[in-house]
């Protein structure tokens, strides 16, 4: 497995994208993902998991009842 050496500045910048409550520039995040093969693979896998989860949520009445009971709205969660 390849090892990567990340400087403290880069690490802080990366995790800084997700720390604050203010919205980030989505284009900058997409650009960063597009340029990094590891992040591309993670993004692709996340999209696959989202599709599986959406299918399960839509097809399982128990999950639908659970979400409704706990006032959970997932309208904007999946693409």
PDB file of N, CA and C in Angstrom:
ATOM      1  N   UNK A   1       0.842  -1.181   0.000  1.00  0.00           N
ATOM      2  CA  UNK A   1       0.000   0.000   0.000  1.00  0.00           C
ATOM      3  C   UNK A   1       0.887   1.245   0.000  1.00  0.00           C
ATOM      4  N   UNK A   2       0.543   2.178  -0.826  1.00  0.00           N
ATOM      5  CA  UNK A   2       1.324   3.407  -0.925  1.00  0.00           C
ATOM      6  C   UNK A   2       1.170   4.243   0.332  1.00  0.00           C
ATOM      7  N   UNK A   3       2.241   4.895   0.719  1.00  0.00           N
ATOM      8  CA  UNK A   3       2.195   5.780   1.882  1.00  0.00           C
ATOM      9  C   UNK A   3       2.310   7.211   1.405  1.00  0.00           C
ATOM     10  N   UNK A   4       1.539   8.074   2.010  1.00  0.00           N
ATOM     11  CA  UNK A   4       1.536   9.477   1.641  1.00  0.00           C
ATOM     12  C   UNK A   4       2.010  10.295   2.822  1.00  0.00           C
ATOM     13  N   UNK A   5       2.779  11.312   2.525  1.00  0.00           N
ATOM     14  CA  UNK A   5       3.239  12.228   3.561  1.00  0.00           C
ATOM     15  C   UNK A   5       2.478  13.534   3.354  1.00  0.00           C
ATOM     16  N   UNK A   6       1.686  13.897   4.314  1.00  0.00           N
ATOM     17  CA  UNK A   6       0.864  15.099   4.207  1.00  0.00           C
ATOM     18  C   UNK A   6       1.361  16.109   5.224  1.00  0.00           C
ATOM     19  N   UNK A   7       1.576  17.320   4.753  1.00  0.00           N
ATOM     20  CA  UNK A   7       2.027  18.352   5.672  1.00  0.00           C
ATOM     21  C   UNK A   7       0.861  18.784   6.566  1.00  0.00           C
ATOM     22  N   UNK A   8       1.196  19.336   7.697  1.00  0.00           N
ATOM     23  CA  UNK A   8       0.180  19.779   8.644  1.00  0.00           C
ATOM     24  C   UNK A   8      -0.726  20.843   8.029  1.00  0.00           C
ATOM     25  N   UNK A   9      -0.161  21.718   7.210  1.00  0.00           N
ATOM     26  CA  UNK A   9      -0.950  22.767   6.568  1.00  0.00           C
ATOM     27  C   UNK A   9      -1.999  22.171   5.625  1.00  0.00           C
ATOM     28  N   UNK A  10      -1.596  21.179   4.836  1.00  0.00           N
ATOM     29  CA  UNK A  10      -2.537  20.556   3.905  1.00  0.00           C
ATOM     30  C   UNK A  10      -3.614  19.773   4.642  1.00  0.00           C
ATOM     31  N   UNK A  11      -3.244  19.117   5.698  1.00  0.00           N
ATOM     32  CA  UNK A  11      -4.200  18.353   6.478  1.00  0.00           C
ATOM     33  C   UNK A  11      -5.247  19.278   7.093  1.00  0.00           C
ATOM     34  N   UNK A  12      -4.786  20.379   7.645  1.00  0.00           N
ATOM     35  CA  UNK A  12      -5.714  21.350   8.230  1.00  0.00           C
ATOM     36  C   UNK A  12      -6.638  21.931   7.172  1.00  0.00           C
ATOM     37  N   UNK A  13      -6.093  22.211   5.991  1.00  0.00           N
ATOM     38  CA  UNK A  13      -6.903  22.762   4.902  1.00  0.00           C
ATOM     39  C   UNK A  13      -7.976  21.767   4.474  1.00  0.00           C
ATOM     40  N   UNK A  14      -7.603  20.490   4.332  1.00  0.00           N
ATOM     41  CA  UNK A  14      -8.569  19.469   3.924  1.00  0.00           C
ATOM     42  C   UNK A  14      -9.692  19.328   4.942  1.00  0.00           C
ATOM     43  N   UNK A  15      -9.352  19.129   6.211  1.00  0.00           N
ATOM     44  CA  UNK A  15     -10.388  18.955   7.217  1.00  0.00           C
ATOM     45  C   UNK A  15     -11.132  20.253   7.490  1.00  0.00           C
ATOM     46  N   UNK A  16     -10.526  21.385   7.174  1.00  0.00           N
ATOM     47  CA  UNK A  16     -11.195  22.670   7.306  1.00  0.00           C
ATOM     48  C   UNK A  16     -12.404  22.796   6.396  1.00  0.00           C
ATOM     49  N   UNK A  17     -12.413  22.038   5.292  1.00  0.00           N
ATOM     50  CA  UNK A  17     -13.566  22.062   4.386  1.00  0.00           C
ATOM     51  C   UNK A  17     -14.826  21.564   5.083  1.00  0.00           C
ATOM     52  N   UNK A  18     -14.664  20.710   6.085  1.00  0.00           N
ATOM     53  CA  UNK A  18     -15.807  20.061   6.712  1.00  0.00           C
ATOM     54  C   UNK A  18     -16.097  20.539   8.126  1.00  0.00           C
ATOM     55  N   UNK A  19     -15.249  21.388   8.697  1.00  0.00           N
ATOM     56  CA  UNK A  19     -15.386  21.798  10.092  1.00  0.00           C
ATOM     57  C   UNK A  19     -16.461  22.839  10.347  1.00  0.00           C
ATOM     58  N   UNK A  20     -16.458  23.900   9.600  1.00  0.00           N
ATOM     59  CA  UNK A  20     -17.314  25.029   9.953  1.00  0.00           C
ATOM     60  C   UNK A  20     -18.744  24.818   9.493  1.00  0.00           C
ATOM     61  N   UNK A  21     -19.626  25.642  10.020  1.00  0.00           N
ATOM     62  CA  UNK A  21     -21.036  25.568   9.662  1.00  0.00           C
ATOM     63  C   UNK A  21     -21.365  26.366   8.407  1.00  0.00           C
ATOM     64  N   UNK A  22     -20.459  27.235   7.975  1.00  0.00           N
ATOM     65  CA  UNK A  22     -20.757  28.024   6.792  1.00  0.00           C
ATOM     66  C   UNK A  22     -20.554  27.180   5.532  1.00  0.00           C
ATOM     67  N   UNK A  23     -21.378  27.412   4.508  1.00  0.00           N
ATOM     68  CA  UNK A  23     -21.262  26.622   3.284  1.00  0.00           C
ATOM     69  C   UNK A  23     -19.930  26.867   2.577  1.00  0.00           C
ATOM     70  N   UNK A  24     -19.395  25.827   2.002  1.00  0.00           N
ATOM     71  CA  UNK A  24     -18.132  25.924   1.273  1.00  0.00           C
ATOM     72  C   UNK A  24     -18.415  26.025  -0.217  1.00  0.00           C
ATOM     73  N   UNK A  25     -17.423  26.432  -0.942  1.00  0.00           N
ATOM     74  CA  UNK A  25     -17.526  26.539  -2.388  1.00  0.00           C
ATOM     75  C   UNK A  25     -17.561  25.125  -2.971  1.00  0.00           C
ATOM     76  N   UNK A  26     -18.725  24.700  -3.410  1.00  0.00           N
ATOM     77  CA  UNK A  26     -18.900  23.337  -3.918  1.00  0.00           C
ATOM     78  C   UNK A  26     -17.995  23.062  -5.120  1.00  0.00           C
ATOM     79  N   UNK A  27     -17.786  24.061  -5.958  1.00  0.00           N
ATOM     80  CA  UNK A  27     -16.925  23.890  -7.129  1.00  0.00           C
ATOM     81  C   UNK A  27     -15.488  23.580  -6.707  1.00  0.00           C
ATOM     82  N   UNK A  28     -15.014  24.222  -5.649  1.00  0.00           N
ATOM     83  CA  UNK A  28     -13.655  23.981  -5.162  1.00  0.00           C
ATOM     84  C   UNK A  28     -13.521  22.559  -4.630  1.00  0.00           C
ATOM     85  N   UNK A  29     -14.545  22.091  -3.949  1.00  0.00           N
ATOM     86  CA  UNK A  29     -14.524  20.723  -3.426  1.00  0.00           C
ATOM     87  C   UNK A  29     -14.540  19.723  -4.576  1.00  0.00           C
ATOM     88  N   UNK A  30     -15.407  19.936  -5.565  1.00  0.00           N
ATOM     89  CA  UNK A  30     -15.474  19.041  -6.723  1.00  0.00           C
ATOM     90  C   UNK A  30     -14.142  19.027  -7.476  1.00  0.00           C
ATOM     91  N   UNK A  31     -13.497  20.181  -7.610  1.00  0.00           N
ATOM     92  CA  UNK A  31     -12.211  20.272  -8.297  1.00  0.00           C
ATOM     93  C   UNK A  31     -11.152  19.464  -7.547  1.00  0.00           C
ATOM     94  N   UNK A  32     -11.141  19.591  -6.215  1.00  0.00           N
ATOM     95  CA  UNK A  32     -10.175  18.859  -5.409  1.00  0.00           C
ATOM     96  C   UNK A  32     -10.390  17.349  -5.551  1.00  0.00           C
ATOM     97  N   UNK A  33     -11.644  16.914  -5.536  1.00  0.00           N
ATOM     98  CA  UNK A  33     -11.953  15.492  -5.686  1.00  0.00           C
ATOM     99  C   UNK A  33     -11.529  15.000  -7.065  1.00  0.00           C
ATOM    100  N   UNK A  34     -11.794  15.786  -8.103  1.00  0.00           N
ATOM    101  CA  UNK A  34     -11.463  15.392  -9.470  1.00  0.00           C
ATOM    102  C   UNK A  34      -9.955  15.248  -9.687  1.00  0.00           C
ATOM    103  N   UNK A  35      -9.163  15.971  -8.929  1.00  0.00           N
ATOM    104  CA  UNK A  35      -7.717  15.947  -9.114  1.00  0.00           C
ATOM    105  C   UNK A  35      -7.018  14.861  -8.310  1.00  0.00           C
ATOM    106  N   UNK A  36      -7.694  14.225  -7.388  1.00  0.00           N
ATOM    107  CA  UNK A  36      -7.056  13.258  -6.500  1.00  0.00           C
ATOM    108  C   UNK A  36      -7.664  11.873  -6.718  1.00  0.00           C
ATOM    109  N   UNK A  37      -6.867  10.888  -7.149  1.00  0.00           N
ATOM    110  CA  UNK A  37      -7.418   9.559  -7.443  1.00  0.00           C
ATOM    111  C   UNK A  37      -8.041   8.872  -6.217  1.00  0.00           C
ATOM    112  N   UNK A  38      -7.460   9.073  -5.058  1.00  0.00           N
ATOM    113  CA  UNK A  38      -8.014   8.466  -3.847  1.00  0.00           C
ATOM    114  C   UNK A  38      -9.374   9.047  -3.494  1.00  0.00           C
ATOM    115  N   UNK A  39      -9.500  10.360  -3.609  1.00  0.00           N
ATOM    116  CA  UNK A  39     -10.780  11.009  -3.320  1.00  0.00           C
ATOM    117  C   UNK A  39     -11.824  10.643  -4.362  1.00  0.00           C
ATOM    118  N   UNK A  40     -11.393  10.452  -5.628  1.00  0.00           N
ATOM    119  CA  UNK A  40     -12.327  10.015  -6.681  1.00  0.00           C
ATOM    120  C   UNK A  40     -12.901   8.650  -6.344  1.00  0.00           C
ATOM    121  N   UNK A  41     -12.043   7.742  -5.890  1.00  0.00           N
ATOM    122  CA  UNK A  41     -12.491   6.390  -5.543  1.00  0.00           C
ATOM    123  C   UNK A  41     -13.466   6.435  -4.367  1.00  0.00           C
ATOM    124  N   UNK A  42     -13.163   7.255  -3.380  1.00  0.00           N
ATOM    125  CA  UNK A  42     -14.059   7.391  -2.225  1.00  0.00           C
ATOM    126  C   UNK A  42     -15.398   7.974  -2.662  1.00  0.00           C
ATOM    127  N   UNK A  43     -15.369   8.975  -3.514  1.00  0.00           N
ATOM    128  CA  UNK A  43     -16.603   9.600  -3.999  1.00  0.00           C
ATOM    129  C   UNK A  43     -17.453   8.609  -4.777  1.00  0.00           C
ATOM    130  N   UNK A  44     -16.808   7.807  -5.617  1.00  0.00           N
ATOM    131  CA  UNK A  44     -17.531   6.802  -6.402  1.00  0.00           C
ATOM    132  C   UNK A  44     -18.171   5.761  -5.483  1.00  0.00           C
ATOM    133  N   UNK A  45     -17.419   5.302  -4.494  1.00  0.00           N
ATOM    134  CA  UNK A  45     -17.947   4.304  -3.553  1.00  0.00           C
ATOM    135  C   UNK A  45     -19.102   4.896  -2.744  1.00  0.00           C
ATOM    136  N   UNK A  46     -18.986   6.167  -2.341  1.00  0.00           N
ATOM    137  CA  UNK A  46     -20.065   6.823  -1.607  1.00  0.00           C
ATOM    138  C   UNK A  46     -21.330   6.909  -2.447  1.00  0.00           C
ATOM    139  N   UNK A  47     -21.166   7.202  -3.734  1.00  0.00           N
ATOM    140  CA  UNK A  47     -22.328   7.261  -4.625  1.00  0.00           C
ATOM    141  C   UNK A  47     -23.014   5.904  -4.746  1.00  0.00           C
ATOM    142  N   UNK A  48     -22.215   4.825  -4.817  1.00  0.00           N
ATOM    143  CA  UNK A  48     -22.782   3.477  -4.871  1.00  0.00           C
ATOM    144  C   UNK A  48     -23.562   3.152  -3.594  1.00  0.00           C
ATOM    145  N   UNK A  49     -23.002   3.513  -2.453  1.00  0.00           N
ATOM    146  CA  UNK A  49     -23.663   3.272  -1.170  1.00  0.00           C
ATOM    147  C   UNK A  49     -24.954   4.077  -1.076  1.00  0.00           C
ATOM    148  N   UNK A  50     -24.925   5.331  -1.559  1.00  0.00           N
ATOM    149  CA  UNK A  50     -26.136   6.163  -1.573  1.00  0.00           C
ATOM    150  C   UNK A  50     -27.246   5.511  -2.387  1.00  0.00           C
ATOM    151  N   UNK A  51     -26.900   4.957  -3.554  1.00  0.00           N
ATOM    152  CA  UNK A  51     -27.900   4.298  -4.399  1.00  0.00           C
ATOM    153  C   UNK A  51     -28.515   3.091  -3.699  1.00  0.00           C
ATOM    154  N   UNK A  52     -27.657   2.288  -3.039  1.00  0.00           N
ATOM    155  CA  UNK A  52     -28.168   1.111  -2.320  1.00  0.00           C
ATOM    156  C   UNK A  52     -29.065   1.531  -1.170  1.00  0.00           C
ATOM    157  N   UNK A  53     -28.654   2.561  -0.436  1.00  0.00           N
ATOM    158  CA  UNK A  53     -29.442   3.028   0.710  1.00  0.00           C
ATOM    159  C   UNK A  53     -30.780   3.590   0.243  1.00  0.00           C
ATOM    160  N   UNK A  54     -30.766   4.351  -0.838  1.00  0.00           N
ATOM    161  CA  UNK A  54     -32.005   4.929  -1.363  1.00  0.00           C
ATOM    162  C   UNK A  54     -32.977   3.828  -1.767  1.00  0.00           C
ATOM    163  N   UNK A  55     -32.461   2.802  -2.436  1.00  0.00           N
ATOM    164  CA  UNK A  55     -33.307   1.692  -2.858  1.00  0.00           C
ATOM    165  C   UNK A  55     -33.918   0.983  -1.652  1.00  0.00           C
ATOM    166  N   UNK A  56     -33.108   0.754  -0.619  1.00  0.00           N
ATOM    167  CA  UNK A  56     -33.606   0.079   0.574  1.00  0.00           C
ATOM    168  C   UNK A  56     -34.654   0.925   1.287  1.00  0.00           C
ATOM    169  N   UNK A  57     -34.401   2.211   1.402  1.00  0.00           N
ATOM    170  CA  UNK A  57     -35.345   3.102   2.077  1.00  0.00           C
ATOM    171  C   UNK A  57     -36.668   3.157   1.330  1.00  0.00           C
ATOM    172  N   UNK A  58     -36.597   3.237   0.006  1.00  0.00           N
ATOM    173  CA  UNK A  58     -37.821   3.332  -0.794  1.00  0.00           C
ATOM    174  C   UNK A  58     -38.625   2.038  -0.789  1.00  0.00           C
ATOM    175  N   UNK A  59     -37.954   0.890  -0.649  1.00  0.00           N
ATOM    176  CA  UNK A  59     -38.630  -0.401  -0.775  1.00  0.00           C
ATOM    177  C   UNK A  59     -38.955  -1.078   0.552  1.00  0.00           C
ATOM    178  N   UNK A  60     -38.562  -0.502   1.652  1.00  0.00           N
ATOM    179  CA  UNK A  60     -38.779  -1.145   2.946  1.00  0.00           C
ATOM    180  C   UNK A  60     -39.767  -0.341   3.781  1.00  0.00           C
ATOM    181  N   UNK A  61     -40.981  -0.861   3.962  1.00  0.00           N
ATOM    182  CA  UNK A  61     -41.980  -0.120   4.736  1.00  0.00           C
ATOM    183  C   UNK A  61     -41.561   0.117   6.194  1.00  0.00           C
ATOM    184  N   UNK A  62     -40.794  -0.806   6.777  1.00  0.00           N
ATOM    185  CA  UNK A  62     -40.347  -0.631   8.149  1.00  0.00           C
ATOM    186  C   UNK A  62     -39.479   0.617   8.259  1.00  0.00           C
ATOM    187  N   UNK A  63     -38.567   0.809   7.301  1.00  0.00           N
ATOM    188  CA  UNK A  63     -37.692   1.976   7.320  1.00  0.00           C
ATOM    189  C   UNK A  63     -38.520   3.247   7.147  1.00  0.00           C
ATOM    190  N   UNK A  64     -39.485   3.219   6.237  1.00  0.00           N
ATOM    191  CA  UNK A  64     -40.356   4.373   6.027  1.00  0.00           C
ATOM    192  C   UNK A  64     -41.093   4.740   7.313  1.00  0.00           C
ATOM    193  N   UNK A  65     -41.634   3.738   8.000  1.00  0.00           N
ATOM    194  CA  UNK A  65     -42.340   3.991   9.259  1.00  0.00           C
ATOM    195  C   UNK A  65     -41.398   4.544  10.328  1.00  0.00           C
ATOM    196  N   UNK A  66     -40.189   3.995  10.397  1.00  0.00           N
ATOM    197  CA  UNK A  66     -39.207   4.450  11.369  1.00  0.00           C
ATOM    198  C   UNK A  66     -38.867   5.925  11.145  1.00  0.00           C
ATOM    199  N   UNK A  67     -38.605   6.286   9.879  1.00  0.00           N
ATOM    200  CA  UNK A  67     -38.260   7.669   9.564  1.00  0.00           C
ATOM    201  C   UNK A  67     -39.413   8.611   9.898  1.00  0.00           C
ATOM    202  N   UNK A  68     -40.623   8.197   9.563  1.00  0.00           N
ATOM    203  CA  UNK A  68     -41.795   9.026   9.832  1.00  0.00           C
ATOM    204  C   UNK A  68     -42.001   9.189  11.341  1.00  0.00           C
ATOM    205  N   UNK A  69     -41.836   8.098  12.088  1.00  0.00           N
ATOM    206  CA  UNK A  69     -42.026   8.114  13.538  1.00  0.00           C
ATOM    207  C   UNK A  69     -41.060   9.087  14.217  1.00  0.00           C
ATOM    208  N   UNK A  70     -39.838   9.169  13.708  1.00  0.00           N
ATOM    209  CA  UNK A  70     -38.817  10.021  14.323  1.00  0.00           C
ATOM    210  C   UNK A  70     -38.635  11.354  13.594  1.00  0.00           C
ATOM    211  N   UNK A  71     -39.582  11.694  12.731  1.00  0.00           N
ATOM    212  CA  UNK A  71     -39.571  12.969  12.010  1.00  0.00           C
ATOM    213  C   UNK A  71     -38.260  13.208  11.259  1.00  0.00           C
ATOM    214  N   UNK A  72     -37.792  12.178  10.557  1.00  0.00           N
ATOM    215  CA  UNK A  72     -36.566  12.278   9.770  1.00  0.00           C
ATOM    216  C   UNK A  72     -36.957  12.441   8.315  1.00  0.00           C
ATOM    217  N   UNK A  73     -36.465  13.506   7.692  1.00  0.00           N
ATOM    218  CA  UNK A  73     -36.772  13.785   6.296  1.00  0.00           C
ATOM    219  C   UNK A  73     -35.492  13.636   5.469  1.00  0.00           C
ATOM    220  N   UNK A  74     -35.509  12.745   4.504  1.00  0.00           N
ATOM    221  CA  UNK A  74     -34.332  12.490   3.685  1.00  0.00           C
ATOM    222  C   UNK A  74     -34.500  12.954   2.238  1.00  0.00           C
ATOM    223  N   UNK A  75     -35.398  13.876   1.994  1.00  0.00           N
ATOM    224  CA  UNK A  75     -35.670  14.324   0.614  1.00  0.00           C
ATOM    225  C   UNK A  75     -34.411  14.782  -0.111  1.00  0.00           C
ATOM    226  N   UNK A  76     -33.596  15.599   0.535  1.00  0.00           N
ATOM    227  CA  UNK A  76     -32.418  16.179  -0.110  1.00  0.00           C
ATOM    228  C   UNK A  76     -31.133  15.404   0.153  1.00  0.00           C
ATOM    229  N   UNK A  77     -31.241  14.255   0.804  1.00  0.00           N
ATOM    230  CA  UNK A  77     -30.049  13.507   1.162  1.00  0.00           C
ATOM    231  C   UNK A  77     -29.440  12.789  -0.034  1.00  0.00           C
ATOM    232  N   UNK A  78     -30.285  12.210  -0.866  1.00  0.00           N
ATOM    233  CA  UNK A  78     -29.802  11.429  -2.003  1.00  0.00           C
ATOM    234  C   UNK A  78     -29.935  12.201  -3.288  1.00  0.00           C
ATOM    235  N   UNK A  79     -29.007  11.976  -4.210  1.00  0.00           N
ATOM    236  CA  UNK A  79     -29.022  12.649  -5.507  1.00  0.00           C
ATOM    237  C   UNK A  79     -30.103  12.101  -6.399  1.00  0.00           C
TER     238      UNK A  79
END
